[in-house]
Amino acid sequence: MKSVEDIKSIAIQVIRDEQKAVANLEKQVDNSFAEAVKLLFLCQGRVILTGIGKSANIATKIVSTLNSTGTPAIFMHAADAIHGDLGMVQKDDVVVCISKSGNTPEIKVLVPLIKHFGNKLIAIVGDSASFLAKEADVVLSAYVPHEACPNNLAPTSSTTAQLVMGDALAVALIECRNFTATDFARFHPGGALGKQLYLRVSDLSVLNEKPQISKNTSVRDAILEMTSKRLGCAVVVEEEKPVGIITDGDLRRMLNGGKQIDDLTAADIMSVNPKQIVADEYAVKALNIMKQNSITQLVVVDGEGFYVGVVHLHDILREGIL
């Protein structure tokens, strides 16, 4: 068994090797890359990613990235393709084949069939003199000098290079399509990421009660309003607009000041100009305001500044945004 220091050194060396492999890709991005992006952008069908072995695994990830960023894509395993799955290729599809060697038996069988169908073929390949590179319409070099594997056998640096090249294609297509965060949200409605992009403050505040008092409300009644609405605050409202807020902190400061509760009204202890957010804003913006001001609730107003409710940190946490 290796020592702790030896194991750390191995990990660092792998990272360095793969960093070099990725950095080397910069020199391999040429006009062919732009041609590949143009082919994919103008594709009237789907982008079909194919490969064998570890390259197939990389292809599936690139498919996911393309689908989530506005480019319809599917995965076709190279081995399964020559045993029936080739039927998924339609006439307007563009095929992207990923291979380190470009000379595997499955690739040599598959490529002529794709060419026979008349589909455009893009190769992401480690050997520019390979069968795949010679047959492809566009060649993207993903050459790496050696693998991070000490025996120079296990696909490590080469698969990292393939993945980065795929990401480069996907991001270039995002830019070409002017694909926005709103577009992204349409394809990611679930999970924390999606909620950051579509969940609005009004979706949360509408589920809460609406603690509301006036400046003349007694502190005793203000406390009752706070506790009954269970949001840790009471909003002071005049002419339907928020002018102050009473929170647990305001109550503590009052008690520490030694004032008699029966002699006080909301106006005596409230914090003026409470932090607000418009109901139509994204919930993630409310979270950022809370973080910046070290508070746990925000007063919610409509577009004209009228009081409509309260959003609490717990509402956001419950949705899993944080």
Protein backbone atom coordinates (compact mmCIF):
# COMPACT_ATOMS: atom_id res chain seq x y z
CA MET A 1 0.00 0.00 0.00
CA LYS A 2 1.27 3.47 -0.90
CA SER A 3 1.84 6.08 1.78
CA VAL A 4 -0.52 9.02 2.19
CA GLU A 5 2.00 11.37 0.60
CA ASP A 6 2.55 9.02 -2.34
CA ILE A 7 -1.20 8.79 -2.94
CA LYS A 8 -1.53 12.58 -2.87
CA SER A 9 1.36 12.88 -5.32
CA ILE A 10 -0.30 10.42 -7.70
CA ALA A 11 -3.53 12.41 -7.64
CA ILE A 12 -1.70 15.68 -8.29
CA GLN A 13 0.19 14.14 -11.21
CA VAL A 14 -3.05 12.88 -12.79
CA ILE A 15 -4.57 16.35 -12.48
CA ARG A 16 -1.50 17.93 -14.05
CA ASP A 17 -1.47 15.41 -16.91
CA GLU A 18 -5.11 16.06 -17.68
CA GLN A 19 -4.63 19.83 -17.42
CA LYS A 20 -1.92 19.54 -20.08
CA ALA A 21 -4.21 17.45 -22.28
CA VAL A 22 -6.95 20.07 -22.05
CA ALA A 23 -4.53 22.96 -22.62
CA ASN A 24 -3.24 21.16 -25.72
CA LEU A 25 -6.74 21.31 -27.22
CA GLU A 26 -6.40 25.07 -27.75
CA LYS A 27 -3.88 24.47 -30.53
CA GLN A 28 -6.26 21.99 -32.16
CA VAL A 29 -9.23 24.34 -32.47
CA ASP A 30 -9.21 25.52 -36.09
CA ASN A 31 -11.67 26.33 -38.87
CA SER A 32 -12.96 22.77 -38.68
CA PHE A 33 -14.42 23.55 -35.26
CA ALA A 34 -16.38 26.49 -36.68
CA GLU A 35 -17.54 24.27 -39.55
CA ALA A 36 -18.76 21.64 -37.07
CA VAL A 37 -20.69 24.25 -35.07
CA LYS A 38 -22.28 25.54 -38.27
CA LEU A 39 -23.34 22.01 -39.26
CA LEU A 40 -24.93 21.43 -35.86
CA PHE A 41 -26.58 24.83 -35.75
CA LEU A 42 -28.18 24.37 -39.16
CA CYS A 43 -29.15 20.74 -38.50
CA GLN A 44 -32.85 20.24 -39.29
CA GLY A 45 -32.99 16.92 -37.47
CA ARG A 46 -31.23 15.73 -34.35
CA VAL A 47 -27.59 15.43 -33.38
CA ILE A 48 -26.70 11.76 -32.91
CA LEU A 49 -23.70 11.02 -30.71
CA THR A 50 -22.06 7.63 -31.08
CA GLY A 51 -18.97 5.80 -29.87
CA ILE A 52 -17.67 2.64 -28.31
CA GLY A 53 -16.26 1.89 -24.85
CA LYS A 54 -15.33 4.91 -22.72
CA SER A 55 -15.95 7.22 -25.67
CA ALA A 56 -19.57 6.05 -25.61
CA ASN A 57 -19.83 7.18 -21.98
CA ILE A 58 -18.53 10.60 -22.95
CA ALA A 59 -21.03 10.73 -25.81
CA THR A 60 -23.95 10.21 -23.41
CA LYS A 61 -22.84 13.16 -21.30
CA ILE A 62 -22.54 15.41 -24.35
CA VAL A 63 -26.05 14.34 -25.41
CA SER A 64 -27.37 15.48 -22.02
CA THR A 65 -25.61 18.82 -22.31
CA LEU A 66 -26.91 19.45 -25.82
CA ASN A 67 -30.49 18.53 -24.93
CA SER A 68 -30.47 20.82 -21.92
CA THR A 69 -29.18 23.77 -23.94
CA GLY A 70 -31.51 23.74 -26.92
CA THR A 71 -29.94 21.24 -29.33
CA PRO A 72 -31.99 18.02 -29.71
CA ALA A 73 -29.63 15.06 -29.40
CA ILE A 74 -29.74 11.29 -28.89
CA PHE A 75 -27.15 8.62 -28.15
CA MET A 76 -26.54 5.61 -30.36
CA HIS A 77 -24.05 2.97 -29.21
CA ALA A 78 -21.75 2.07 -32.09
CA ALA A 79 -21.99 -1.67 -31.41
CA ASP A 80 -25.78 -1.63 -31.16
CA ALA A 81 -26.03 0.55 -34.26
CA ILE A 82 -24.76 -2.22 -36.55
CA HIS A 83 -27.25 -4.62 -34.97
CA GLY A 84 -30.41 -2.65 -35.58
CA ASP A 85 -30.16 0.68 -33.78
CA LEU A 86 -29.01 2.37 -36.97
CA GLY A 87 -32.72 2.72 -37.66
CA MET A 88 -32.83 5.72 -35.34
CA VAL A 89 -30.80 7.78 -37.83
CA GLN A 90 -33.08 10.00 -39.93
CA LYS A 91 -32.17 11.80 -43.13
CA ASP A 92 -31.76 15.27 -41.58
CA ASP A 93 -29.67 14.12 -38.60
CA VAL A 94 -26.01 14.98 -38.11
CA VAL A 95 -23.87 12.23 -36.59
CA VAL A 96 -20.98 12.95 -34.21
CA CYS A 97 -18.69 9.96 -33.73
CA ILE A 98 -16.24 9.95 -30.81
CA SER A 99 -13.21 7.67 -30.79
CA LYS A 100 -9.67 7.84 -29.52
CA SER A 101 -8.13 5.58 -32.16
CA GLY A 102 -10.71 6.00 -34.91
CA ASN A 103 -9.91 2.47 -36.02
CA THR A 104 -12.05 0.16 -33.86
CA PRO A 105 -13.90 -2.59 -35.78
CA GLU A 106 -17.33 -1.23 -34.86
CA ILE A 107 -16.42 2.24 -36.13
CA LYS A 108 -15.11 0.80 -39.39
CA VAL A 109 -18.42 -0.96 -39.97
CA LEU A 110 -20.63 1.93 -38.85
CA VAL A 111 -19.04 4.86 -40.67
CA PRO A 112 -19.62 3.61 -44.25
CA LEU A 113 -23.28 2.95 -43.39
CA ILE A 114 -23.74 6.51 -42.13
CA LYS A 115 -22.08 7.84 -45.26
CA HIS A 116 -24.32 5.65 -47.39
CA PHE A 117 -27.39 7.19 -45.75
CA GLY A 118 -26.10 10.62 -46.75
CA ASN A 119 -25.82 12.01 -43.21
CA LYS A 120 -23.08 14.49 -42.37
CA LEU A 121 -20.45 13.00 -40.05
CA ILE A 122 -18.37 14.91 -37.51
CA ALA A 123 -15.48 13.07 -35.89
CA ILE A 124 -14.01 13.85 -32.47
CA VAL A 125 -10.94 11.67 -32.74
CA GLY A 126 -7.48 11.29 -31.25
CA ASP A 127 -5.78 10.15 -34.46
CA SER A 128 -6.13 12.44 -37.46
CA ALA A 129 -4.75 9.73 -39.77
CA SER A 130 -7.33 7.14 -38.67
CA PHE A 131 -10.12 5.56 -40.71
CA LEU A 132 -12.73 7.68 -38.94
CA ALA A 133 -10.83 10.92 -39.57
CA LYS A 134 -10.41 10.13 -43.27
CA GLU A 135 -14.11 9.34 -43.74
CA ALA A 136 -15.62 12.17 -41.68
CA ASP A 137 -16.93 15.38 -43.23
CA VAL A 138 -15.46 17.42 -40.38
CA VAL A 139 -12.64 16.35 -38.06
CA LEU A 140 -12.11 17.74 -34.55
CA SER A 141 -8.80 16.62 -33.15
CA ALA A 142 -8.84 15.47 -29.53
CA TYR A 143 -5.28 14.20 -29.60
CA VAL A 144 -3.44 13.72 -26.31
CA PRO A 145 0.27 12.82 -26.09
CA HIS A 146 -0.33 10.20 -23.39
CA GLU A 147 -2.89 9.00 -20.87
CA ALA A 148 -2.71 9.90 -17.19
CA CYS A 149 -2.72 6.16 -16.59
CA PRO A 150 0.83 5.05 -15.61
CA ASN A 151 0.66 2.29 -18.24
CA ASN A 152 -0.63 4.74 -20.87
CA LEU A 153 -3.57 2.41 -21.43
CA ALA A 154 -6.72 3.34 -19.47
CA PRO A 155 -8.63 6.18 -21.16
CA THR A 156 -8.11 9.14 -18.83
CA SER A 157 -6.60 12.20 -20.47
CA SER A 158 -8.18 11.21 -23.79
CA THR A 159 -11.73 11.02 -22.41
CA THR A 160 -11.24 14.31 -20.59
CA ALA A 161 -10.18 15.91 -23.88
CA GLN A 162 -13.23 14.45 -25.65
CA LEU A 163 -15.53 15.79 -22.96
CA VAL A 164 -14.02 19.28 -23.11
CA MET A 165 -14.33 19.33 -26.90
CA GLY A 166 -17.98 18.36 -26.56
CA ASP A 167 -18.55 21.10 -24.00
CA ALA A 168 -16.90 23.59 -26.35
CA LEU A 169 -19.34 22.60 -29.09
CA ALA A 170 -22.31 22.90 -26.74
CA VAL A 171 -21.31 26.32 -25.44
CA ALA A 172 -20.63 27.61 -28.95
CA LEU A 173 -24.15 26.50 -29.91
CA ILE A 174 -25.57 28.24 -26.83
CA GLU A 175 -24.00 31.48 -28.04
CA CYS A 176 -25.14 30.95 -31.63
CA ARG A 177 -28.72 30.31 -30.50
CA ASN A 178 -28.72 33.20 -28.01
CA PHE A 179 -29.91 30.61 -25.50
CA THR A 180 -30.88 32.48 -22.32
CA ALA A 181 -31.33 31.57 -18.66
CA THR A 182 -35.08 31.63 -19.27
CA ASP A 183 -34.68 29.10 -22.08
CA PHE A 184 -32.52 26.98 -19.79
CA ALA A 185 -35.23 27.02 -17.12
CA ARG A 186 -37.76 25.54 -19.54
CA PHE A 187 -35.64 22.40 -19.78
CA HIS A 188 -34.77 22.28 -16.05
CA PRO A 189 -38.06 22.67 -14.17
CA GLY A 190 -37.04 20.25 -11.42
CA GLY A 191 -34.44 20.49 -8.70
CA ALA A 192 -32.67 23.45 -7.17
CA LEU A 193 -31.22 24.65 -10.46
CA GLY A 194 -34.59 24.87 -12.16
CA LYS A 195 -36.22 26.57 -9.20
CA GLN A 196 -33.56 29.28 -9.20
CA LEU A 197 -34.56 30.06 -12.75
CA TYR A 198 -38.34 30.00 -12.55
CA LEU A 199 -39.62 30.10 -8.93
CA ARG A 200 -40.86 33.58 -8.06
CA VAL A 201 -41.39 35.28 -4.71
CA SER A 202 -45.16 35.33 -5.24
CA ASP A 203 -45.15 31.52 -5.55
CA LEU A 204 -43.95 31.38 -1.93
CA SER A 205 -45.52 34.41 -0.26
CA VAL A 206 -49.02 33.50 -1.41
CA LEU A 207 -48.84 30.41 0.80
CA ASN A 208 -48.15 32.49 3.91
CA GLU A 209 -50.51 34.49 6.09
CA LYS A 210 -50.23 38.25 5.94
CA PRO A 211 -49.21 39.81 9.27
CA GLN A 212 -50.35 43.43 9.26
CA ILE A 213 -50.69 46.16 11.85
CA SER A 214 -50.84 49.97 11.99
CA LYS A 215 -48.54 52.45 13.70
CA ASN A 216 -51.09 52.85 16.50
CA THR A 217 -51.37 49.12 17.20
CA SER A 218 -50.33 48.32 20.75
CA VAL A 219 -47.17 46.28 21.16
CA ARG A 220 -49.22 43.63 22.94
CA ASP A 221 -51.49 43.28 19.89
CA ALA A 222 -48.47 43.40 17.59
CA ILE A 223 -47.00 40.40 19.41
CA LEU A 224 -50.28 38.53 19.03
CA GLU A 225 -50.25 39.27 15.29
CA MET A 226 -46.64 38.08 14.98
CA THR A 227 -47.21 34.85 16.82
CA SER A 228 -50.53 34.00 15.21
CA LYS A 229 -49.19 34.44 11.66
CA ARG A 230 -45.99 32.48 12.51
CA LEU A 231 -43.60 34.45 10.34
CA GLY A 232 -41.59 36.12 13.10
CA CYS A 233 -42.69 39.59 12.10
CA ALA A 234 -45.56 42.04 11.77
CA VAL A 235 -45.58 44.57 8.95
CA VAL A 236 -46.64 48.13 9.77
CA VAL A 237 -48.85 49.42 6.97
CA GLU A 238 -50.17 52.88 6.11
CA GLU A 239 -52.41 53.48 3.09
CA GLU A 240 -51.76 49.88 2.07
CA LYS A 241 -48.00 50.41 1.82
CA PRO A 242 -45.36 49.08 4.27
CA VAL A 243 -43.72 51.75 6.39
CA GLY A 244 -42.11 49.58 9.06
CA ILE A 245 -41.65 46.11 10.45
CA ILE A 246 -41.48 44.59 13.91
CA THR A 247 -39.36 41.47 14.29
CA ASP A 248 -38.09 39.36 17.16
CA GLY A 249 -35.02 41.60 17.25
CA ASP A 250 -37.12 44.70 17.76
CA LEU A 251 -38.90 43.03 20.68
CA ARG A 252 -35.60 42.05 22.30
CA ARG A 253 -34.28 45.60 21.99
CA MET A 254 -37.47 46.91 23.57
CA LEU A 255 -37.22 44.53 26.52
CA ASN A 256 -33.51 45.25 27.02
CA GLY A 257 -34.33 48.95 27.07
CA GLY A 258 -36.55 48.45 30.10
CA LYS A 259 -39.63 50.07 28.54
CA GLN A 260 -43.11 49.19 29.73
CA ILE A 261 -44.93 47.24 27.05
CA ASP A 262 -48.34 48.66 27.90
CA ASP A 263 -47.19 52.19 27.16
CA LEU A 264 -45.86 51.44 23.67
CA THR A 265 -47.31 51.24 20.17
CA ALA A 266 -45.89 49.73 17.03
CA ALA A 267 -44.54 53.11 15.94
CA ASP A 268 -42.34 53.22 19.06
CA ILE A 269 -40.39 50.03 18.36
CA MET A 270 -40.69 49.30 14.63
CA SER A 271 -37.78 49.36 12.19
CA VAL A 272 -38.58 51.83 9.44
CA ASN A 273 -38.09 51.26 5.70
CA PRO A 274 -38.11 47.46 5.87
CA LYS A 275 -36.31 45.49 3.18
CA GLN A 276 -38.73 44.78 0.35
CA ILE A 277 -38.95 42.73 -2.80
CA VAL A 278 -41.43 42.84 -5.68
CA ALA A 279 -43.63 39.76 -5.87
CA ASP A 280 -42.65 39.04 -9.48
CA GLU A 281 -38.92 38.76 -8.70
CA TYR A 282 -37.22 35.38 -8.63
CA ALA A 283 -37.05 33.69 -5.23
CA VAL A 284 -33.27 33.35 -5.55
CA LYS A 285 -33.02 37.16 -5.53
CA ALA A 286 -34.94 37.22 -2.25
CA LEU A 287 -32.44 34.73 -0.85
CA ASN A 288 -29.51 36.91 -1.89
CA ILE A 289 -31.06 40.00 -0.25
CA MET A 290 -31.59 38.05 2.97
CA LYS A 291 -27.98 36.86 2.95
CA GLN A 292 -26.60 40.33 2.29
CA ASN A 293 -28.61 41.88 5.12
CA SER A 294 -28.52 38.95 7.58
CA ILE A 295 -32.32 38.83 7.83
CA THR A 296 -34.82 35.99 7.60
CA GLN A 297 -37.85 37.65 6.04
CA LEU A 298 -38.68 40.19 3.35
CA VAL A 299 -41.75 42.33 2.89
CA VAL A 300 -43.37 41.56 -0.46
CA VAL A 301 -44.96 44.33 -2.51
CA ASP A 302 -46.59 44.57 -5.92
CA GLY A 303 -45.31 46.66 -8.80
CA GLU A 304 -46.80 49.82 -7.27
CA GLY A 305 -45.39 49.25 -3.81
CA PHE A 306 -48.56 48.00 -2.13
CA TYR A 307 -48.12 45.41 0.60
CA VAL A 308 -49.00 41.87 -0.52
CA GLY A 309 -47.27 39.61 2.01
CA VAL A 310 -44.06 38.23 3.48
CA VAL A 311 -41.53 35.70 2.24
CA HIS A 312 -39.46 33.87 4.84
CA LEU A 313 -36.06 32.20 4.59
CA HIS A 314 -37.71 28.92 5.58
CA ASP A 315 -39.93 29.13 2.47
CA ILE A 316 -36.84 29.21 0.28
CA LEU A 317 -35.05 26.49 2.21
CA ARG A 318 -38.09 24.28 1.91
CA GLU A 319 -37.88 24.55 -1.88
CA GLY A 320 -34.24 23.44 -1.81
CA ILE A 321 -32.88 26.54 -3.53
CA LEU A 322 -30.09 27.18 -1.02
